[in-house]
C-alpha atoms as a PDB file:
ATOM      1  CA  UNK A   1      63.901 -71.160  36.416  1.00  0.00           C
ATOM      2  CA  UNK A   2      65.356 -75.250  37.476  1.00  0.00           C
ATOM      3  CA  UNK A   3      67.410 -76.764  34.538  1.00  0.00           C
ATOM      4  CA  UNK A   4      67.867 -80.286  34.456  1.00  0.00           C
ATOM      5  CA  UNK A   5      70.452 -82.670  35.053  1.00  0.00           C
ATOM      6  CA  UNK A   6      70.530 -86.262  34.449  1.00  0.00           C
ATOM      7  CA  UNK A   7      72.785 -89.420  36.734  1.00  0.00           C
ATOM      8  CA  UNK A   8      73.313 -93.140  36.496  1.00  0.00           C
ATOM      9  CA  UNK A   9      71.551 -94.818  39.595  1.00  0.00           C
ATOM     10  CA  UNK A  10      74.859 -97.442  41.217  1.00  0.00           C
ATOM     11  CA  UNK A  11      71.419 -99.705  42.033  1.00  0.00           C
ATOM     12  CA  UNK A  12      69.739-100.451  38.987  1.00  0.00           C
ATOM     13  CA  UNK A  13      71.558 -98.701  36.602  1.00  0.00           C
ATOM     14  CA  UNK A  14      68.718 -96.339  35.172  1.00  0.00           C
ATOM     15  CA  UNK A  15      69.409 -92.784  33.851  1.00  0.00           C
ATOM     16  CA  UNK A  16      67.595 -90.459  36.477  1.00  0.00           C
ATOM     17  CA  UNK A  17      66.262 -86.701  35.311  1.00  0.00           C
ATOM     18  CA  UNK A  18      66.485 -84.159  38.164  1.00  0.00           C
ATOM     19  CA  UNK A  19      65.716 -81.067  38.026  1.00  0.00           C
ATOM     20  CA  UNK A  20      68.606 -78.578  39.686  1.00  0.00           C
ATOM     21  CA  UNK A  21      68.248 -74.457  41.398  1.00  0.00           C
ATOM     22  CA  UNK A  22      71.292 -72.848  40.199  1.00  0.00           C
ATOM     23  CA  UNK A  23      70.093 -70.665  42.963  1.00  0.00           C
ATOM     24  CA  UNK A  24      70.338 -73.637  45.618  1.00  0.00           C
ATOM     25  CA  UNK A  25      74.458 -72.538  45.103  1.00  0.00           C
ATOM     26  CA  UNK A  26      77.052 -73.647  42.468  1.00  0.00           C
ATOM     27  CA  UNK A  27      77.838 -76.911  44.738  1.00  0.00           C
ATOM     28  CA  UNK A  28      74.897 -78.973  45.948  1.00  0.00           C
ATOM     29  CA  UNK A  29      74.513 -82.179  47.330  1.00  0.00           C
ATOM     30  CA  UNK A  30      72.345 -84.233  48.458  1.00  0.00           C
ATOM     31  CA  UNK A  31      70.470 -88.004  49.210  1.00  0.00           C
ATOM     32  CA  UNK A  32      67.278 -88.319  47.001  1.00  0.00           C
ATOM     33  CA  UNK A  33      66.183 -92.683  46.817  1.00  0.00           C
ATOM     34  CA  UNK A  34      65.749 -93.926  42.724  1.00  0.00           C
ATOM     35  CA  UNK A  35      62.262 -93.506  41.405  1.00  0.00           C
ATOM     36  CA  UNK A  36      63.066 -97.231  39.990  1.00  0.00           C
ATOM     37  CA  UNK A  37      65.292 -99.558  42.480  1.00  0.00           C
ATOM     38  CA  UNK A  38      64.172 -97.073  46.135  1.00  0.00           C
ATOM     39  CA  UNK A  39      67.582 -97.462  46.976  1.00  0.00           C
ATOM     40  CA  UNK A  40      69.247 -93.642  48.091  1.00  0.00           C
ATOM     41  CA  UNK A  41      71.511 -92.285  45.895  1.00  0.00           C
ATOM     42  CA  UNK A  42      73.804 -90.017  47.081  1.00  0.00           C
ATOM     43  CA  UNK A  43      73.569 -87.629  44.457  1.00  0.00           C
ATOM     44  CA  UNK A  44      76.489 -84.367  43.490  1.00  0.00           C
ATOM     45  CA  UNK A  45      75.389 -81.185  40.606  1.00  0.00           C
ATOM     46  CA  UNK A  46      77.952 -78.209  40.008  1.00  0.00           C
ATOM     47  CA  UNK A  47      76.967 -76.086  37.530  1.00  0.00           C
ATOM     48  CA  UNK A  48      80.494 -75.170  35.208  1.00  0.00           C
ATOM     49  CA  UNK A  49      80.828 -71.023  34.125  1.00  0.00           C
ATOM     50  CA  UNK A  50      78.982 -71.690  31.589  1.00  0.00           C
ATOM     51  CA  UNK A  51      76.109 -72.918  34.081  1.00  0.00           C
ATOM     52  CA  UNK A  52      75.291 -76.446  32.677  1.00  0.00           C
ATOM     53  CA  UNK A  53      74.795 -78.498  35.779  1.00  0.00           C
ATOM     54  CA  UNK A  54      76.836 -81.646  35.339  1.00  0.00           C
ATOM     55  CA  UNK A  55      75.593 -84.610  38.308  1.00  0.00           C
ATOM     56  CA  UNK A  56      77.555 -87.502  39.446  1.00  0.00           C
ATOM     57  CA  UNK A  57      75.699 -89.978  41.911  1.00  0.00           C
ATOM     58  CA  UNK A  58      76.405 -92.749  43.974  1.00  0.00           C
ATOM     59  CA  UNK A  59      75.930 -95.261  46.642  1.00  0.00           C
ATOM     60  CA  UNK A  60      74.934 -93.954  50.437  1.00  0.00           C
ATOM     61  CA  UNK A  61      76.446 -97.457  51.093  1.00  0.00           C
ATOM     62  CA  UNK A  62      79.803 -95.486  49.805  1.00  0.00           C
ATOM     63  CA  UNK A  63      79.542 -92.216  51.029  1.00  0.00           C
ATOM     64  CA  UNK A  64      82.532 -90.859  53.205  1.00  0.00           C
END
């Protein structure tokens, strides 16, 4: 089963909806290009104790 989460692109400010897969782990991180401005974002998804997805992003060039 896939759920949805959203984030705000750091580059263009658009709200982006992504599909998330809880079976891939309680904390996930990956790089995805914004479908609006094509700039890469590091997406972090965490699932809370109730299984709800919390999504955050930052520009890839800010990655540590």
